Amino acid sequence: MQRSAVPGTRPRVPDTFAENVRYYLTLTPRQLPSRYLYDALGSALFEAICRLPWYGITRAEGAMLAAHGASILSRVDGISTIVELGPGSGEKLATLLASRAPGALTVHLVDMSSAALQAARCILPEHPDLTVHTHEATYESGLLTATRAADTRGRSLVLFLGSNIGNFDPPGSDEFLRRIRGALRSRDCLLLGADLMKPERELLLAYDDPLGVTAAFNRNLLVRVNRELGADFVVEDFAHRALWNGDASRVEMHLVSGRRQHVTVPAAGIEVTFEQGETIWTESSYKYRVGDIRAMLERAGFRTVDQWVDDRFALTLAEAG
């Protein structure tokens, strides 16, 4: 369900919030980049989603990291640096670090959400052998900063967990994994977490929970646009909708206009008229088959070292060729 890429691959656009809002709200269909779901409130709501009984990604992945953490780390002998892209609360990394052998280790946490970085930094254990750096940055720029600072005498391990890769469409995921590979040296590794295909009803419950937490998470994006860009979205006039696109193997999240309405976003310099039923596409979450994950990594220049799979989730350790 996370949350760094816009739905769909588009030409390169400016990076500021206002410029992105202007660009994506004028596309057809209208969109907003999913990375902006994560202000302080959005990050807190997502952590609540991870604890819902209908959203099993976090529990499945956490159990696998606890069960296989020692095996994962042992396969990256000589590790000196870990870089986690999108650490969330930090619990996944803390679980993995509980299995590490003694020795100096430097950890880099990369996220655009300062609230997420602060939470992750606080949960990691205090230890004289552990050095933690935070980077409030995009995944790509933060990864480059971290790998340039890495100890060249040891190996680096990049963590991209929580099925974050599912927020990219197939061309986008290939491009992103190639960028990760480009930032690594030969024999550095990537641990990729990916959600697997499930029955449609189960998937939709995970993205449209009965308590309405995911709906609040999605609609908070409009609250953020109002607060930071001076927009006049009437938030209650937009409903949350999750749908399964079987042809594309993805869950989509949309905000649906309940009436014809005119919205201005002064800081972005746009005015938009929404027809009743018109949507804003805010997120995609692709689901995978086990073989698809290995093939995706191999296309990006990685070699699969090992893979741990249950009926819900897959962890794949791959080495840069």
C-alpha atoms as a PDB file:
ATOM      1  CA  MET A   1       0.000   0.000   0.000  1.00  0.00           C
ATOM      2  CA  GLN A   2       2.911   2.242   0.137  1.00  0.00           C
ATOM      3  CA  ARG A   3       3.451   4.833  -1.534  1.00  0.00           C
ATOM      4  CA  SER A   4       6.183   6.569  -3.260  1.00  0.00           C
ATOM      5  CA  ALA A   5       5.294   6.641  -6.907  1.00  0.00           C
ATOM      6  CA  VAL A   6       2.499   8.231  -8.828  1.00  0.00           C
ATOM      7  CA  PRO A   7       0.015   5.872 -10.449  1.00  0.00           C
ATOM      8  CA  GLY A   8       1.354   5.274 -13.900  1.00  0.00           C
ATOM      9  CA  THR A   9       4.561   6.226 -15.651  1.00  0.00           C
ATOM     10  CA  ARG A  10       4.640   9.809 -16.885  1.00  0.00           C
ATOM     11  CA  PRO A  11       7.245  12.187 -18.291  1.00  0.00           C
ATOM     12  CA  ARG A  12       9.512  13.819 -15.749  1.00  0.00           C
ATOM     13  CA  VAL A  13       7.742  16.693 -14.021  1.00  0.00           C
ATOM     14  CA  PRO A  14       8.817  19.335 -11.471  1.00  0.00           C
ATOM     15  CA  ASP A  15       9.292  18.064  -7.936  1.00  0.00           C
ATOM     16  CA  THR A  16       7.515  20.649  -5.781  1.00  0.00           C
ATOM     17  CA  PHE A  17       4.132  19.880  -4.262  1.00  0.00           C
ATOM     18  CA  ALA A  18       2.416  22.791  -6.029  1.00  0.00           C
ATOM     19  CA  GLU A  19       3.905  21.951  -9.424  1.00  0.00           C
ATOM     20  CA  ASN A  20       2.949  18.299  -9.089  1.00  0.00           C
ATOM     21  CA  VAL A  21      -0.604  19.154  -8.067  1.00  0.00           C
ATOM     22  CA  ARG A  22      -0.938  21.467 -11.051  1.00  0.00           C
ATOM     23  CA  TYR A  23       0.431  18.839 -13.433  1.00  0.00           C
ATOM     24  CA  TYR A  24      -1.467  15.778 -12.205  1.00  0.00           C
ATOM     25  CA  LEU A  25      -4.854  17.411 -11.628  1.00  0.00           C
ATOM     26  CA  THR A  26      -4.900  18.479 -15.271  1.00  0.00           C
ATOM     27  CA  LEU A  27      -4.296  14.956 -16.609  1.00  0.00           C
ATOM     28  CA  THR A  28      -7.054  12.654 -17.813  1.00  0.00           C
ATOM     29  CA  PRO A  29      -7.900  10.852 -15.620  1.00  0.00           C
ATOM     30  CA  ARG A  30      -7.095  13.324 -12.855  1.00  0.00           C
ATOM     31  CA  GLN A  31      -4.441  12.135 -10.440  1.00  0.00           C
ATOM     32  CA  LEU A  32      -2.443  13.119  -7.381  1.00  0.00           C
ATOM     33  CA  PRO A  33       0.948  11.550  -6.564  1.00  0.00           C
ATOM     34  CA  SER A  34       0.604   8.961  -3.823  1.00  0.00           C
ATOM     35  CA  ARG A  35       3.815  10.066  -2.100  1.00  0.00           C
ATOM     36  CA  TYR A  36       1.918  13.133  -0.864  1.00  0.00           C
ATOM     37  CA  LEU A  37      -0.397  10.949   1.195  1.00  0.00           C
ATOM     38  CA  TYR A  38       2.327  11.038   3.840  1.00  0.00           C
ATOM     39  CA  ASP A  39       2.189  14.210   5.850  1.00  0.00           C
ATOM     40  CA  ALA A  40       2.291  13.798   9.634  1.00  0.00           C
ATOM     41  CA  LEU A  41      -1.407  12.830   9.844  1.00  0.00           C
ATOM     42  CA  GLY A  42      -1.195  10.616   6.780  1.00  0.00           C
ATOM     43  CA  SER A  43       1.783   8.736   8.235  1.00  0.00           C
ATOM     44  CA  ALA A  44      -0.114   8.200  11.497  1.00  0.00           C
ATOM     45  CA  LEU A  45      -3.185   6.963   9.633  1.00  0.00           C
ATOM     46  CA  PHE A  46      -1.094   4.568   7.606  1.00  0.00           C
ATOM     47  CA  GLU A  47       0.414   3.119  10.772  1.00  0.00           C
ATOM     48  CA  ALA A  48      -3.159   2.559  11.982  1.00  0.00           C
ATOM     49  CA  ILE A  49      -4.007   0.828   8.691  1.00  0.00           C
ATOM     50  CA  CYS A  50      -1.087  -1.543   9.224  1.00  0.00           C
ATOM     51  CA  ARG A  51      -2.723  -2.707  12.459  1.00  0.00           C
ATOM     52  CA  LEU A  52      -6.153  -3.377  10.972  1.00  0.00           C
ATOM     53  CA  PRO A  53      -7.182  -7.045  10.772  1.00  0.00           C
ATOM     54  CA  TRP A  54      -7.997  -6.664   7.066  1.00  0.00           C
ATOM     55  CA  TYR A  55      -4.532  -5.389   6.103  1.00  0.00           C
ATOM     56  CA  GLY A  56      -2.186  -8.342   6.407  1.00  0.00           C
ATOM     57  CA  ILE A  57       0.945  -7.102   4.641  1.00  0.00           C
ATOM     58  CA  THR A  58       2.661  -5.747   7.746  1.00  0.00           C
ATOM     59  CA  ARG A  59       1.979  -8.799   9.908  1.00  0.00           C
ATOM     60  CA  ALA A  60       3.013 -11.263   7.194  1.00  0.00           C
ATOM     61  CA  GLU A  61       6.217  -9.404   6.425  1.00  0.00           C
ATOM     62  CA  GLY A  62       7.077  -8.896  10.098  1.00  0.00           C
ATOM     63  CA  ALA A  63       6.658 -12.604  10.809  1.00  0.00           C
ATOM     64  CA  MET A  64       8.905 -13.494   7.879  1.00  0.00           C
ATOM     65  CA  LEU A  65      11.595 -11.024   8.959  1.00  0.00           C
ATOM     66  CA  ALA A  66      11.508 -12.451  12.489  1.00  0.00           C
ATOM     67  CA  ALA A  67      11.704 -16.039  11.231  1.00  0.00           C
ATOM     68  CA  HIS A  68      14.324 -15.527   8.519  1.00  0.00           C
ATOM     69  CA  GLY A  69      16.247 -12.433   9.627  1.00  0.00           C
ATOM     70  CA  ALA A  70      19.371 -14.356  10.620  1.00  0.00           C
ATOM     71  CA  SER A  71      19.382 -16.204   7.295  1.00  0.00           C
ATOM     72  CA  ILE A  72      18.926 -12.966   5.361  1.00  0.00           C
ATOM     73  CA  LEU A  73      21.807 -11.212   7.081  1.00  0.00           C
ATOM     74  CA  SER A  74      24.074 -14.247   6.869  1.00  0.00           C
ATOM     75  CA  ARG A  75      23.673 -14.267   3.084  1.00  0.00           C
ATOM     76  CA  VAL A  76      25.128 -10.730   2.962  1.00  0.00           C
ATOM     77  CA  ASP A  77      28.476 -11.515   4.561  1.00  0.00           C
ATOM     78  CA  GLY A  78      30.630  -8.512   5.356  1.00  0.00           C
ATOM     79  CA  ILE A  79      27.646  -6.152   5.582  1.00  0.00           C
ATOM     80  CA  SER A  80      28.555  -2.676   6.839  1.00  0.00           C
ATOM     81  CA  THR A  81      25.655  -0.520   5.612  1.00  0.00           C
ATOM     82  CA  ILE A  82      21.874  -0.888   5.508  1.00  0.00           C
ATOM     83  CA  VAL A  83      19.730   1.620   3.615  1.00  0.00           C
ATOM     84  CA  GLU A  84      15.969   1.414   4.129  1.00  0.00           C
ATOM     85  CA  LEU A  85      13.759   3.210   1.620  1.00  0.00           C
ATOM     86  CA  GLY A  86      10.453   4.119   3.267  1.00  0.00           C
ATOM     87  CA  PRO A  87      11.036   2.828   6.822  1.00  0.00           C
ATOM     88  CA  GLY A  88       7.537   3.595   8.105  1.00  0.00           C
ATOM     89  CA  SER A  89       7.507   3.138  11.879  1.00  0.00           C
ATOM     90  CA  GLY A  90      10.908   1.411  11.849  1.00  0.00           C
ATOM     91  CA  GLU A  91       9.488  -1.847  13.211  1.00  0.00           C
ATOM     92  CA  LYS A  92      10.542  -3.938  10.204  1.00  0.00           C
ATOM     93  CA  LEU A  93      14.132  -2.820  10.415  1.00  0.00           C
ATOM     94  CA  ALA A  94      14.185  -3.268  14.192  1.00  0.00           C
ATOM     95  CA  THR A  95      12.947  -6.838  13.694  1.00  0.00           C
ATOM     96  CA  LEU A  96      15.708  -7.536  11.183  1.00  0.00           C
ATOM     97  CA  LEU A  97      18.401  -5.944  13.349  1.00  0.00           C
ATOM     98  CA  ALA A  98      17.409  -8.189  16.258  1.00  0.00           C
ATOM     99  CA  SER A  99      19.008 -11.033  14.274  1.00  0.00           C
ATOM    100  CA  ARG A 100      22.299  -9.299  13.465  1.00  0.00           C
ATOM    101  CA  ALA A 101      25.672 -10.502  14.663  1.00  0.00           C
ATOM    102  CA  PRO A 102      27.931  -8.155  16.656  1.00  0.00           C
ATOM    103  CA  GLY A 103      29.874  -5.587  14.664  1.00  0.00           C
ATOM    104  CA  ALA A 104      29.763  -2.015  13.462  1.00  0.00           C
ATOM    105  CA  LEU A 105      26.804  -1.172  11.235  1.00  0.00           C
ATOM    106  CA  THR A 106      25.631   2.093   9.671  1.00  0.00           C
ATOM    107  CA  VAL A 107      21.926   2.521   8.905  1.00  0.00           C
ATOM    108  CA  HIS A 108      20.436   5.120   6.569  1.00  0.00           C
ATOM    109  CA  LEU A 109      16.678   5.813   6.672  1.00  0.00           C
ATOM    110  CA  VAL A 110      15.212   7.520   3.595  1.00  0.00           C
ATOM    111  CA  ASP A 111      11.707   8.987   3.441  1.00  0.00           C
ATOM    112  CA  MET A 112       9.957  12.193   2.398  1.00  0.00           C
ATOM    113  CA  SER A 113       7.966  12.156   5.647  1.00  0.00           C
ATOM    114  CA  SER A 114       9.814  13.736   8.566  1.00  0.00           C
ATOM    115  CA  ALA A 115       7.275  12.185  10.951  1.00  0.00           C
ATOM    116  CA  ALA A 116       8.039   8.692   9.642  1.00  0.00           C
ATOM    117  CA  LEU A 117      11.777   9.277   9.946  1.00  0.00           C
ATOM    118  CA  GLN A 118      11.440  10.487  13.514  1.00  0.00           C
ATOM    119  CA  ALA A 119       9.299   7.485  14.485  1.00  0.00           C
ATOM    120  CA  ALA A 120      11.685   5.028  12.833  1.00  0.00           C
ATOM    121  CA  ARG A 121      14.735   6.638  14.426  1.00  0.00           C
ATOM    122  CA  CYS A 122      13.182   6.413  17.875  1.00  0.00           C
ATOM    123  CA  ILE A 123      12.305   2.713  17.645  1.00  0.00           C
ATOM    124  CA  LEU A 124      15.752   1.502  16.614  1.00  0.00           C
ATOM    125  CA  PRO A 125      17.836   0.109  19.449  1.00  0.00           C
ATOM    126  CA  GLU A 126      20.543   2.256  21.020  1.00  0.00           C
ATOM    127  CA  HIS A 127      23.876   0.491  20.607  1.00  0.00           C
ATOM    128  CA  PRO A 128      27.454   1.775  20.363  1.00  0.00           C
ATOM    129  CA  ASP A 129      28.026  -0.322  17.217  1.00  0.00           C
ATOM    130  CA  LEU A 130      24.960   1.102  15.446  1.00  0.00           C
ATOM    131  CA  THR A 131      25.051   4.486  13.676  1.00  0.00           C
ATOM    132  CA  VAL A 132      21.774   5.845  12.255  1.00  0.00           C
ATOM    133  CA  HIS A 133      21.377   8.627   9.686  1.00  0.00           C
ATOM    134  CA  THR A 134      18.077  10.017   8.395  1.00  0.00           C
ATOM    135  CA  HIS A 135      17.478  11.562   4.973  1.00  0.00           C
ATOM    136  CA  GLU A 136      14.289  13.532   4.309  1.00  0.00           C
ATOM    137  CA  ALA A 137      14.452  13.020   0.570  1.00  0.00           C
ATOM    138  CA  THR A 138      13.100  11.066  -2.358  1.00  0.00           C
ATOM    139  CA  TYR A 139      14.126   7.443  -2.475  1.00  0.00           C
ATOM    140  CA  GLU A 140      16.479   8.018  -5.393  1.00  0.00           C
ATOM    141  CA  SER A 141      18.355  11.016  -3.987  1.00  0.00           C
ATOM    142  CA  GLY A 142      18.502   9.596  -0.463  1.00  0.00           C
ATOM    143  CA  LEU A 143      19.839   6.282  -1.747  1.00  0.00           C
ATOM    144  CA  LEU A 144      22.567   8.006  -3.734  1.00  0.00           C
ATOM    145  CA  THR A 145      23.618  10.035  -0.694  1.00  0.00           C
ATOM    146  CA  ALA A 146      23.690   6.928   1.485  1.00  0.00           C
ATOM    147  CA  THR A 147      25.593   4.694  -0.928  1.00  0.00           C
ATOM    148  CA  ARG A 148      28.187   7.376  -1.653  1.00  0.00           C
ATOM    149  CA  ALA A 149      28.865   7.533   2.085  1.00  0.00           C
ATOM    150  CA  ALA A 150      28.980   3.733   2.495  1.00  0.00           C
ATOM    151  CA  ASP A 151      32.123   1.990   3.700  1.00  0.00           C
ATOM    152  CA  THR A 152      33.697   0.564   0.537  1.00  0.00           C
ATOM    153  CA  ARG A 153      35.333  -2.198   2.596  1.00  0.00           C
ATOM    154  CA  GLY A 154      31.933  -3.739   3.357  1.00  0.00           C
ATOM    155  CA  ARG A 155      28.741  -4.622   1.516  1.00  0.00           C
ATOM    156  CA  SER A 156      25.534  -2.605   1.462  1.00  0.00           C
ATOM    157  CA  LEU A 157      22.002  -3.971   1.834  1.00  0.00           C
ATOM    158  CA  VAL A 158      19.066  -1.914   0.584  1.00  0.00           C
ATOM    159  CA  LEU A 159      15.647  -2.665   2.078  1.00  0.00           C
ATOM    160  CA  PHE A 160      12.543  -1.904   0.042  1.00  0.00           C
ATOM    161  CA  LEU A 161       9.781  -3.505   2.058  1.00  0.00           C
ATOM    162  CA  GLY A 162       6.042  -3.217   2.709  1.00  0.00           C
ATOM    163  CA  SER A 163       5.287  -3.949  -0.966  1.00  0.00           C
ATOM    164  CA  ASN A 164       6.281  -0.380  -1.762  1.00  0.00           C
ATOM    165  CA  ILE A 165       7.297  -1.676  -5.179  1.00  0.00           C
ATOM    166  CA  GLY A 166       3.587  -2.239  -5.862  1.00  0.00           C
ATOM    167  CA  ASN A 167       2.994   1.499  -6.073  1.00  0.00           C
ATOM    168  CA  PHE A 168       4.882   1.593  -9.371  1.00  0.00           C
ATOM    169  CA  ASP A 169       3.368   0.426 -12.639  1.00  0.00           C
ATOM    170  CA  PRO A 170       5.444  -2.273 -14.444  1.00  0.00           C
ATOM    171  CA  PRO A 171       7.597   0.128 -16.514  1.00  0.00           C
ATOM    172  CA  GLY A 172       8.036   2.315 -13.437  1.00  0.00           C
ATOM    173  CA  SER A 173       9.070  -0.583 -11.184  1.00  0.00           C
ATOM    174  CA  ASP A 174      11.627  -1.741 -13.761  1.00  0.00           C
ATOM    175  CA  GLU A 175      13.063   1.763 -13.995  1.00  0.00           C
ATOM    176  CA  PHE A 176      13.148   2.224 -10.223  1.00  0.00           C
ATOM    177  CA  LEU A 177      14.901  -1.108  -9.630  1.00  0.00           C
ATOM    178  CA  ARG A 178      17.451  -0.241 -12.313  1.00  0.00           C
ATOM    179  CA  ARG A 179      18.135   3.015 -10.451  1.00  0.00           C
ATOM    180  CA  ILE A 180      18.691   1.079  -7.237  1.00  0.00           C
ATOM    181  CA  ARG A 181      21.047  -1.260  -9.092  1.00  0.00           C
ATOM    182  CA  GLY A 182      22.872   1.758 -10.536  1.00  0.00           C
ATOM    183  CA  ALA A 183      23.518   3.130  -7.046  1.00  0.00           C
ATOM    184  CA  LEU A 184      25.025  -0.148  -5.801  1.00  0.00           C
ATOM    185  CA  ARG A 185      28.374  -1.820  -6.253  1.00  0.00           C
ATOM    186  CA  SER A 186      28.745  -5.388  -7.442  1.00  0.00           C
ATOM    187  CA  ARG A 187      27.743  -7.852  -4.673  1.00  0.00           C
ATOM    188  CA  ASP A 188      25.688  -5.276  -2.777  1.00  0.00           C
ATOM    189  CA  CYS A 189      22.196  -6.602  -2.128  1.00  0.00           C
ATOM    190  CA  LEU A 190      18.528  -5.645  -2.182  1.00  0.00           C
ATOM    191  CA  LEU A 191      15.830  -7.169   0.021  1.00  0.00           C
ATOM    192  CA  LEU A 192      12.479  -6.664  -1.689  1.00  0.00           C
ATOM    193  CA  GLY A 193       9.104  -7.259  -0.055  1.00  0.00           C
ATOM    194  CA  ALA A 194       6.145  -7.825  -2.385  1.00  0.00           C
ATOM    195  CA  ASP A 195       2.482  -8.629  -1.781  1.00  0.00           C
ATOM    196  CA  LEU A 196       1.097 -11.660  -3.599  1.00  0.00           C
ATOM    197  CA  MET A 197      -2.136 -12.181  -5.513  1.00  0.00           C
ATOM    198  CA  LYS A 198      -5.188 -12.939  -3.353  1.00  0.00           C
ATOM    199  CA  PRO A 199      -8.965 -13.233  -3.797  1.00  0.00           C
ATOM    200  CA  GLU A 200     -10.581  -9.949  -4.850  1.00  0.00           C
ATOM    201  CA  ARG A 201     -12.772  -9.622  -1.753  1.00  0.00           C
ATOM    202  CA  GLU A 202      -9.752  -9.962   0.539  1.00  0.00           C
ATOM    203  CA  LEU A 203      -7.821  -7.347  -1.404  1.00  0.00           C
ATOM    204  CA  LEU A 204     -10.669  -4.840  -1.384  1.00  0.00           C
ATOM    205  CA  LEU A 205     -11.196  -5.185   2.368  1.00  0.00           C
ATOM    206  CA  ALA A 206      -7.521  -4.334   2.847  1.00  0.00           C
ATOM    207  CA  TYR A 207      -7.962  -1.062   0.928  1.00  0.00           C
ATOM    208  CA  ASP A 208     -11.510  -0.160   1.989  1.00  0.00           C
ATOM    209  CA  ASP A 209     -11.748  -1.275   5.606  1.00  0.00           C
ATOM    210  CA  PRO A 210     -15.066  -1.282   7.488  1.00  0.00           C
ATOM    211  CA  LEU A 211     -13.755   1.245  10.035  1.00  0.00           C
ATOM    212  CA  GLY A 212     -13.036   3.834   7.365  1.00  0.00           C
ATOM    213  CA  VAL A 213      -9.378   4.340   8.307  1.00  0.00           C
ATOM    214  CA  THR A 214      -8.177   3.921   4.720  1.00  0.00           C
ATOM    215  CA  ALA A 215     -10.868   6.334   3.556  1.00  0.00           C
ATOM    216  CA  ALA A 216      -9.595   8.926   6.037  1.00  0.00           C
ATOM    217  CA  PHE A 217      -6.033   8.302   4.876  1.00  0.00           C
ATOM    218  CA  ASN A 218      -7.031   8.876   1.254  1.00  0.00           C
ATOM    219  CA  ARG A 219      -9.184  11.966   1.896  1.00  0.00           C
ATOM    220  CA  ASN A 220      -6.453  13.505   4.058  1.00  0.00           C
ATOM    221  CA  LEU A 221      -4.606  14.185   0.806  1.00  0.00           C
ATOM    222  CA  LEU A 222      -7.231  16.840   0.026  1.00  0.00           C
ATOM    223  CA  VAL A 223      -6.851  18.238   3.536  1.00  0.00           C
ATOM    224  CA  ARG A 224      -3.141  18.616   2.847  1.00  0.00           C
ATOM    225  CA  VAL A 225      -3.729  20.373  -0.482  1.00  0.00           C
ATOM    226  CA  ASN A 226      -6.113  22.765   1.280  1.00  0.00           C
ATOM    227  CA  ARG A 227      -3.691  23.465   4.124  1.00  0.00           C
ATOM    228  CA  GLU A 228      -0.444  23.791   2.190  1.00  0.00           C
ATOM    229  CA  LEU A 229      -1.643  25.200  -1.134  1.00  0.00           C
ATOM    230  CA  GLY A 230      -4.678  27.225  -0.077  1.00  0.00           C
ATOM    231  CA  ALA A 231      -7.147  25.057  -2.031  1.00  0.00           C
ATOM    232  CA  ASP A 232     -10.873  24.995  -1.295  1.00  0.00           C
ATOM    233  CA  PHE A 233     -11.665  21.280  -1.638  1.00  0.00           C
ATOM    234  CA  VAL A 234     -14.834  20.408   0.298  1.00  0.00           C
ATOM    235  CA  VAL A 235     -13.434  17.178   1.674  1.00  0.00           C
ATOM    236  CA  GLU A 236     -16.784  15.697   2.644  1.00  0.00           C
ATOM    237  CA  ASP A 237     -17.911  15.954  -0.985  1.00  0.00           C
ATOM    238  CA  PHE A 238     -15.306  13.382  -2.017  1.00  0.00           C
ATOM    239  CA  ALA A 239     -15.756   9.688  -1.254  1.00  0.00           C
ATOM    240  CA  HIS A 240     -13.087   7.005  -1.039  1.00  0.00           C
ATOM    241  CA  ARG A 241     -13.270   4.194  -3.573  1.00  0.00           C
ATOM    242  CA  ALA A 242     -11.080   1.104  -3.885  1.00  0.00           C
ATOM    243  CA  LEU A 243     -11.393  -1.199  -6.877  1.00  0.00           C
ATOM    244  CA  TRP A 244      -9.604  -4.263  -8.217  1.00  0.00           C
ATOM    245  CA  ASN A 245      -8.299  -3.972 -11.768  1.00  0.00           C
ATOM    246  CA  GLY A 246      -7.798  -7.614 -12.651  1.00  0.00           C
ATOM    247  CA  ASP A 247      -6.393  -6.947 -16.111  1.00  0.00           C
ATOM    248  CA  ALA A 248      -3.589  -4.863 -14.592  1.00  0.00           C
ATOM    249  CA  SER A 249      -3.247  -6.942 -11.366  1.00  0.00           C
ATOM    250  CA  ARG A 250      -3.624  -3.906  -9.134  1.00  0.00           C
ATOM    251  CA  VAL A 251      -5.829  -2.359  -6.483  1.00  0.00           C
ATOM    252  CA  GLU A 252      -6.618   1.282  -7.249  1.00  0.00           C
ATOM    253  CA  MET A 253      -7.621   4.009  -4.810  1.00  0.00           C
ATOM    254  CA  HIS A 254      -9.693   6.955  -6.005  1.00  0.00           C
ATOM    255  CA  LEU A 255     -11.452   9.985  -4.566  1.00  0.00           C
ATOM    256  CA  VAL A 256     -14.903  10.384  -6.130  1.00  0.00           C
ATOM    257  CA  SER A 257     -16.647  13.744  -6.474  1.00  0.00           C
ATOM    258  CA  GLY A 258     -20.173  13.523  -5.074  1.00  0.00           C
ATOM    259  CA  ARG A 259     -21.426  16.492  -7.077  1.00  0.00           C
ATOM    260  CA  ARG A 260     -20.416  18.933  -9.776  1.00  0.00           C
ATOM    261  CA  GLN A 261     -18.038  21.351  -8.100  1.00  0.00           C
ATOM    262  CA  HIS A 262     -15.388  23.954  -8.843  1.00  0.00           C
ATOM    263  CA  VAL A 263     -12.089  23.877  -6.949  1.00  0.00           C
ATOM    264  CA  THR A 264      -9.304  26.463  -6.915  1.00  0.00           C
ATOM    265  CA  VAL A 265      -5.724  25.744  -5.850  1.00  0.00           C
ATOM    266  CA  PRO A 266      -4.124  29.218  -5.592  1.00  0.00           C
ATOM    267  CA  ALA A 267      -0.534  28.135  -4.912  1.00  0.00           C
ATOM    268  CA  ALA A 268      -0.655  25.794  -7.901  1.00  0.00           C
ATOM    269  CA  GLY A 269      -2.282  28.413 -10.115  1.00  0.00           C
ATOM    270  CA  ILE A 270      -5.155  26.198 -11.286  1.00  0.00           C
ATOM    271  CA  GLU A 271      -8.937  26.006 -11.196  1.00  0.00           C
ATOM    272  CA  VAL A 272     -10.579  22.625 -11.764  1.00  0.00           C
ATOM    273  CA  THR A 273     -14.224  21.691 -12.339  1.00  0.00           C
ATOM    274  CA  PHE A 274     -15.186  18.193 -11.204  1.00  0.00           C
ATOM    275  CA  GLU A 275     -18.270  16.538 -12.613  1.00  0.00           C
ATOM    276  CA  GLN A 276     -20.385  14.340 -10.358  1.00  0.00           C
ATOM    277  CA  GLY A 277     -18.746  10.911 -10.245  1.00  0.00           C
ATOM    278  CA  GLU A 278     -15.418  12.150 -11.595  1.00  0.00           C
ATOM    279  CA  THR A 279     -12.441  10.736  -9.743  1.00  0.00           C
ATOM    280  CA  ILE A 280      -8.926  11.608  -8.645  1.00  0.00           C
ATOM    281  CA  TRP A 281      -6.664   8.550  -8.892  1.00  0.00           C
ATOM    282  CA  THR A 282      -4.422   8.612  -5.816  1.00  0.00           C
ATOM    283  CA  GLU A 283      -2.736   5.227  -5.614  1.00  0.00           C
ATOM    284  CA  SER A 284      -2.119   1.890  -7.279  1.00  0.00           C
ATOM    285  CA  SER A 285      -0.977  -1.249  -5.479  1.00  0.00           C
ATOM    286  CA  TYR A 286       0.178  -4.004  -7.815  1.00  0.00           C
ATOM    287  CA  LYS A 287       0.071  -7.635  -6.704  1.00  0.00           C
ATOM    288  CA  TYR A 288       2.519 -10.294  -7.860  1.00  0.00           C
ATOM    289  CA  ARG A 289       3.160 -13.945  -8.535  1.00  0.00           C
ATOM    290  CA  VAL A 290       6.396 -15.356  -7.152  1.00  0.00           C
ATOM    291  CA  GLY A 291       8.039 -15.822 -10.536  1.00  0.00           C
ATOM    292  CA  ASP A 292       7.156 -12.284 -11.572  1.00  0.00           C
ATOM    293  CA  ILE A 293       9.224 -10.899  -8.701  1.00  0.00           C
ATOM    294  CA  ARG A 294      12.360 -12.811  -9.681  1.00  0.00           C
ATOM    295  CA  ALA A 295      11.945 -11.812 -13.328  1.00  0.00           C
ATOM    296  CA  MET A 296      11.484  -8.159 -12.385  1.00  0.00           C
ATOM    297  CA  LEU A 297      14.717  -8.169 -10.372  1.00  0.00           C
ATOM    298  CA  GLU A 298      16.661  -9.962 -13.095  1.00  0.00           C
ATOM    299  CA  ARG A 299      15.566  -7.386 -15.686  1.00  0.00           C
ATOM    300  CA  ALA A 300      17.072  -4.692 -13.461  1.00  0.00           C
ATOM    301  CA  GLY A 301      20.471  -6.405 -13.202  1.00  0.00           C
ATOM    302  CA  PHE A 302      20.036  -8.385  -9.982  1.00  0.00           C
ATOM    303  CA  ARG A 303      20.591 -12.084  -9.325  1.00  0.00           C
ATOM    304  CA  THR A 304      18.152 -13.787  -6.947  1.00  0.00           C
ATOM    305  CA  VAL A 305      20.033 -15.158  -3.945  1.00  0.00           C
ATOM    306  CA  ASP A 306      17.100 -16.540  -1.975  1.00  0.00           C
ATOM    307  CA  GLN A 307      13.362 -16.124  -1.602  1.00  0.00           C
ATOM    308  CA  TRP A 308      11.040 -16.683   1.351  1.00  0.00           C
ATOM    309  CA  VAL A 309       7.355 -17.113   0.528  1.00  0.00           C
ATOM    310  CA  ASP A 310       4.108 -17.776   2.347  1.00  0.00           C
ATOM    311  CA  ASP A 311       0.611 -17.645   0.871  1.00  0.00           C
ATOM    312  CA  ARG A 312       0.386 -13.878   1.365  1.00  0.00           C
ATOM    313  CA  PHE A 313       3.789 -12.322   0.872  1.00  0.00           C
ATOM    314  CA  ALA A 314       7.286 -12.800  -0.542  1.00  0.00           C
ATOM    315  CA  LEU A 315      10.701 -11.580   0.591  1.00  0.00           C
ATOM    316  CA  THR A 316      13.354 -11.788  -2.103  1.00  0.00           C
ATOM    317  CA  LEU A 317      17.075 -11.239  -1.525  1.00  0.00           C
ATOM    318  CA  ALA A 318      18.913 -10.278  -4.698  1.00  0.00           C
ATOM    319  CA  GLU A 319      22.535  -9.423  -5.414  1.00  0.00           C
ATOM    320  CA  ALA A 320      23.770  -6.742  -7.766  1.00  0.00           C
ATOM    321  CA  GLY A 321      25.501  -8.445 -10.678  1.00  0.00           C
END
